[in-house]
Amino acid sequence: MSELWWAITAVAVGGYALKASGYFIPERVLERPRVTRIALLTPVALLAALTAVQVFGDGQGLVLDARAAGLAFAVVALLLRAPFLVVVVGAAAIAALVRLIAG
């Protein structure tokens, strides 16, 4: 088996072990306010990190291109409580427009 398959197997086993460990943690630990707050905020932090990497990352460097303009539109639209479809389509349109203008 190649190194890649060993890595995939290790990640799969680790993920399963992490999920299974939830059955062994006492309920009183899971009901603590700090644990609850961390559990609620972790997905938000992971999504923010993924968004930042996808928008500003290019290999090993940082870039500022049309994706940043689309993200800026999406942030403003969300602050104005625009419907999700308007946010997505508007951000894509703004990014496409900036790419068209930039050449």
Protein backbone atom coordinates (compact mmCIF):
# COMPACT_ATOMS: atom_id res chain seq x y z
CA MET A 1 0.00 0.00 0.00
CA SER A 2 1.31 3.46 -0.86
CA GLU A 3 1.90 6.24 1.65
CA LEU A 4 -1.23 8.02 0.44
CA TRP A 5 -3.45 5.08 1.32
CA TRP A 6 -1.82 4.79 4.74
CA ALA A 7 -2.60 8.46 5.32
CA ILE A 8 -6.21 8.03 4.15
CA THR A 9 -6.62 5.01 6.41
CA ALA A 10 -5.14 6.88 9.38
CA VAL A 11 -7.47 9.85 8.87
CA ALA A 12 -10.50 7.56 8.51
CA VAL A 13 -9.63 5.63 11.68
CA GLY A 14 -8.92 8.87 13.54
CA GLY A 15 -12.22 10.37 12.45
CA TYR A 16 -14.13 7.28 13.50
CA ALA A 17 -12.31 7.21 16.86
CA LEU A 18 -13.15 10.86 17.44
CA LYS A 19 -16.84 10.24 16.70
CA ALA A 20 -16.88 7.12 18.87
CA SER A 21 -15.20 8.95 21.76
CA GLY A 22 -18.35 11.06 22.10
CA TYR A 23 -20.12 8.05 23.61
CA PHE A 24 -17.54 7.82 26.39
CA ILE A 25 -17.57 11.48 27.47
CA PRO A 26 -19.86 12.03 30.48
CA GLU A 27 -22.98 14.06 29.74
CA ARG A 28 -22.20 16.55 32.51
CA VAL A 29 -19.02 17.53 30.65
CA LEU A 30 -20.92 18.12 27.41
CA GLU A 31 -23.51 20.31 29.12
CA ARG A 32 -20.99 22.83 30.46
CA PRO A 33 -21.53 26.32 28.99
CA ARG A 34 -17.93 26.62 27.77
CA VAL A 35 -18.07 23.27 25.94
CA THR A 36 -21.41 24.19 24.38
CA ARG A 37 -20.10 27.58 23.26
CA ILE A 38 -16.98 26.00 21.73
CA ALA A 39 -19.07 23.38 19.95
CA LEU A 40 -21.33 26.07 18.50
CA LEU A 41 -18.51 28.37 17.37
CA THR A 42 -16.11 25.79 15.93
CA PRO A 43 -17.99 25.33 12.62
CA VAL A 44 -18.15 29.11 12.18
CA ALA A 45 -14.40 29.43 12.68
CA LEU A 46 -13.67 26.56 10.30
CA LEU A 47 -15.93 28.03 7.61
CA ALA A 48 -14.32 31.46 8.01
CA ALA A 49 -10.87 29.92 7.65
CA LEU A 50 -11.92 27.96 4.58
CA THR A 51 -13.42 31.09 3.03
CA ALA A 52 -10.25 33.09 3.70
CA VAL A 53 -8.04 30.40 2.15
CA GLN A 54 -10.26 30.06 -0.92
CA VAL A 55 -10.59 33.82 -1.48
CA PHE A 56 -7.10 35.08 -0.67
CA GLY A 57 -4.92 32.02 -1.23
CA ASP A 58 -3.04 31.06 -4.36
CA GLY A 59 -0.64 28.20 -3.79
CA GLN A 60 1.77 29.39 -1.12
CA GLY A 61 0.99 33.10 -1.56
CA LEU A 62 -1.75 35.60 -0.97
CA VAL A 63 -3.63 37.38 -3.76
CA LEU A 64 -6.19 40.14 -3.96
CA ASP A 65 -8.33 39.58 -7.04
CA ALA A 66 -11.95 39.38 -8.19
CA ARG A 67 -12.81 36.83 -5.52
CA ALA A 68 -12.21 39.48 -2.85
CA ALA A 69 -14.68 41.82 -4.59
CA GLY A 70 -17.26 39.04 -4.64
CA LEU A 71 -16.68 38.37 -0.95
CA ALA A 72 -17.02 42.08 -0.16
CA PHE A 73 -20.35 42.16 -1.99
CA ALA A 74 -21.52 39.08 -0.10
CA VAL A 75 -20.61 40.61 3.26
CA VAL A 76 -22.48 43.83 2.49
CA ALA A 77 -25.48 41.93 1.15
CA LEU A 78 -25.61 39.74 4.25
CA LEU A 79 -25.39 42.78 6.51
CA LEU A 80 -28.34 44.25 4.61
CA ARG A 81 -30.20 40.95 5.16
CA ALA A 82 -30.47 40.10 1.47
CA PRO A 83 -31.84 36.65 0.57
CA PHE A 84 -29.21 33.93 0.21
CA LEU A 85 -29.79 33.51 -3.52
CA VAL A 86 -29.23 37.24 -4.05
CA VAL A 87 -25.98 37.02 -2.07
CA VAL A 88 -24.63 34.08 -4.07
CA VAL A 89 -25.68 35.29 -7.53
CA GLY A 90 -24.63 38.88 -6.76
CA ALA A 91 -21.21 37.84 -5.50
CA ALA A 92 -20.65 35.68 -8.57
CA ALA A 93 -21.77 38.51 -10.86
CA ILE A 94 -19.50 41.04 -9.16
CA ALA A 95 -16.52 38.67 -9.36
CA ALA A 96 -17.22 38.00 -13.05
CA LEU A 97 -17.57 41.72 -13.75
CA VAL A 98 -14.28 42.53 -12.03
CA ARG A 99 -12.53 39.73 -13.97
CA LEU A 100 -13.99 41.09 -17.21
CA ILE A 101 -12.85 44.64 -16.48
CA ALA A 102 -9.42 43.58 -15.20
CA GLY A 103 -8.77 41.78 -18.38
